[in-house]
Amino acid sequence: MERKNEPTIYETESSDNGMNKAREEAIKTLNQFHKAFESNNSKLNSFSIKQTFSNERYNEHIWLNGIFKKNGEYYGVVDNLPEYVKEVHLGDTVKIVNQKISDWMYLENSQLNGGFTIRELRNRMTEEERKKFDAESGMIIKP
């Protein structure tokens, strides 16, 4: 779903094997995110976590940026305008709940690390869509 001045929403079914595998990989490798975040390496930036927010009808996966740690807990700022859930709003600071994480990412010299759901969706794009996505995101995405 394309939205003016907001990232496109890619709707998938809960039974989508590719997306489920991407989320499983993100959870399995979450320690890589924590290590990179806590390394204070100046070459690493754009730390983001995708977290699931739910209502009675939908699960919406929303990117959080501005990640910070307080009293041993991670927090992030809602970076996308929620479409279906009303419990959070663009710009809200929320606690990150490990059980609700569906992806993570950071950049190293513009190269994507993590971003498993991004990679899965990008792999489904046509060559033209991929080029447009890459240009808009500014990320280098290697297989």
Protein backbone atom coordinates (compact mmCIF):
# COMPACT_ATOMS: atom_id res chain seq x y z
CA MET A 1 0.00 0.00 0.00
CA GLU A 2 1.60 3.25 -1.12
CA ARG A 3 1.15 6.29 1.13
CA LYS A 4 2.07 9.90 0.45
CA ASN A 5 5.25 10.92 2.28
CA GLU A 6 5.37 7.58 4.11
CA PRO A 7 7.08 4.26 3.33
CA THR A 8 5.08 1.75 1.34
CA ILE A 9 3.29 -0.86 3.44
CA TYR A 10 3.85 -4.40 2.20
CA GLU A 11 0.98 -6.58 3.34
CA THR A 12 1.73 -10.25 3.91
CA GLU A 13 -0.23 -13.12 5.36
CA SER A 14 0.70 -14.66 8.71
CA SER A 15 1.27 -17.91 6.78
CA ASP A 16 3.89 -16.30 4.48
CA ASN A 17 6.81 -18.74 4.77
CA GLY A 18 9.43 -16.33 3.42
CA MET A 19 8.50 -13.58 5.87
CA ASN A 20 8.21 -16.04 8.76
CA LYS A 21 11.71 -17.35 8.01
CA ALA A 22 13.01 -13.77 7.82
CA ARG A 23 11.53 -12.99 11.24
CA GLU A 24 12.96 -16.22 12.68
CA GLU A 25 16.41 -15.29 11.36
CA ALA A 26 16.12 -11.83 12.91
CA ILE A 27 15.27 -13.30 16.31
CA LYS A 28 18.01 -15.92 16.05
CA THR A 29 20.65 -13.28 15.27
CA LEU A 30 19.45 -10.51 17.59
CA ASN A 31 22.71 -10.72 19.57
CA GLN A 32 24.53 -9.35 16.51
CA PHE A 33 22.40 -6.21 16.76
CA HIS A 34 23.08 -5.84 20.49
CA LYS A 35 26.84 -6.30 20.03
CA ALA A 36 26.98 -3.76 17.21
CA PHE A 37 24.83 -1.26 19.11
CA GLU A 38 26.94 -1.49 22.25
CA SER A 39 30.24 -1.37 20.34
CA ASN A 40 30.03 2.42 19.91
CA ASN A 41 31.70 1.93 16.51
CA SER A 42 31.35 5.26 14.67
CA LYS A 43 31.11 3.43 11.32
CA LEU A 44 27.79 1.89 12.40
CA ASN A 45 24.56 3.88 12.25
CA SER A 46 20.82 3.82 11.54
CA PHE A 47 20.12 1.25 14.24
CA SER A 48 16.46 0.22 13.95
CA ILE A 49 14.22 -2.51 15.29
CA LYS A 50 10.96 -3.65 13.74
CA GLN A 51 8.39 -4.51 16.39
CA THR A 52 4.93 -6.03 16.10
CA PHE A 53 1.97 -4.03 17.36
CA SER A 54 -1.43 -5.71 17.37
CA ASN A 55 -5.11 -4.97 17.62
CA GLU A 56 -8.06 -7.34 17.42
CA ARG A 57 -7.73 -7.60 13.65
CA TYR A 58 -4.16 -6.87 12.54
CA ASN A 59 -0.52 -7.39 13.37
CA GLU A 60 1.40 -4.36 12.15
CA HIS A 61 5.20 -4.48 11.99
CA ILE A 62 6.58 -0.98 12.58
CA TRP A 63 10.17 0.24 12.46
CA LEU A 64 11.56 1.97 15.55
CA ASN A 65 14.62 4.17 15.27
CA GLY A 66 16.52 6.43 17.66
CA ILE A 67 17.29 3.30 19.67
CA PHE A 68 18.60 3.87 23.18
CA LYS A 69 19.15 1.83 26.31
CA LYS A 70 17.90 2.91 29.74
CA ASN A 71 18.14 0.82 32.91
CA GLY A 72 19.02 -2.26 30.85
CA GLU A 73 15.97 -1.92 28.57
CA TYR A 74 15.93 -0.86 24.93
CA TYR A 75 13.60 1.86 23.64
CA GLY A 76 12.92 3.28 20.21
CA VAL A 77 10.91 5.95 18.44
CA VAL A 78 8.03 4.95 16.13
CA ASP A 79 9.38 5.79 12.68
CA ASN A 80 6.38 4.98 10.47
CA LEU A 81 2.83 6.26 10.59
CA PRO A 82 0.81 3.25 11.82
CA GLU A 83 -1.95 2.30 9.42
CA TYR A 84 -3.97 -0.25 11.40
CA VAL A 85 -3.06 -0.05 15.08
CA LYS A 86 -3.91 2.98 17.17
CA GLU A 87 -1.96 2.15 20.35
CA VAL A 88 1.15 3.93 19.04
CA HIS A 89 1.69 7.03 16.96
CA LEU A 90 4.45 8.40 14.79
CA GLY A 91 7.14 9.82 17.07
CA ASP A 92 6.10 7.89 20.20
CA THR A 93 8.91 6.44 22.30
CA VAL A 94 8.16 2.81 23.15
CA LYS A 95 9.85 0.02 25.08
CA ILE A 96 11.21 -2.72 22.85
CA VAL A 97 9.84 -6.12 23.77
CA ASN A 98 12.06 -9.00 22.62
CA GLN A 99 9.08 -11.30 22.02
CA LYS A 100 7.60 -8.74 19.62
CA ILE A 101 10.73 -8.08 17.54
CA SER A 102 10.27 -9.04 13.90
CA ASP A 103 13.47 -7.58 12.43
CA TRP A 104 16.52 -5.44 13.14
CA MET A 105 19.00 -3.51 11.06
CA TYR A 106 21.90 -1.13 11.06
CA LEU A 107 24.17 0.29 8.40
CA GLU A 108 27.92 0.03 8.10
CA ASN A 109 29.24 2.36 5.41
CA SER A 110 25.70 2.38 3.94
CA GLN A 111 25.67 -1.44 3.76
CA LEU A 112 22.64 -3.14 5.32
CA ASN A 113 23.25 -5.53 8.20
CA GLY A 114 20.24 -7.53 9.35
CA GLY A 115 17.12 -6.29 7.61
CA PHE A 116 15.89 -9.81 6.92
CA THR A 117 12.31 -8.77 6.10
CA ILE A 118 13.66 -5.97 3.90
CA ARG A 119 15.75 -8.49 1.97
CA GLU A 120 12.79 -10.87 1.62
CA LEU A 121 10.51 -8.17 0.25
CA ARG A 122 13.25 -6.80 -2.01
CA ASN A 123 13.82 -10.28 -3.47
CA ARG A 124 10.17 -10.32 -4.55
CA MET A 125 10.50 -7.07 -6.49
CA THR A 126 11.03 -6.76 -10.19
CA GLU A 127 14.42 -5.46 -11.33
CA GLU A 128 12.89 -2.02 -11.91
CA GLU A 129 11.24 -1.96 -8.46
CA ARG A 130 14.52 -3.05 -6.87
CA LYS A 131 16.45 -0.23 -8.54
CA LYS A 132 13.86 2.31 -7.37
CA PHE A 133 13.89 0.89 -3.83
CA ASP A 134 17.69 0.92 -3.66
CA ALA A 135 17.85 4.52 -4.90
CA GLU A 136 15.19 5.68 -2.42
CA SER A 137 16.63 3.82 0.56
CA GLY A 138 20.26 4.73 -0.07
CA MET A 139 21.27 1.34 1.31
CA ILE A 140 23.71 -1.10 -0.21
CA ILE A 141 22.06 -4.51 0.02
CA LYS A 142 24.31 -7.47 -0.62
CA PRO A 143 22.99 -11.05 -0.72
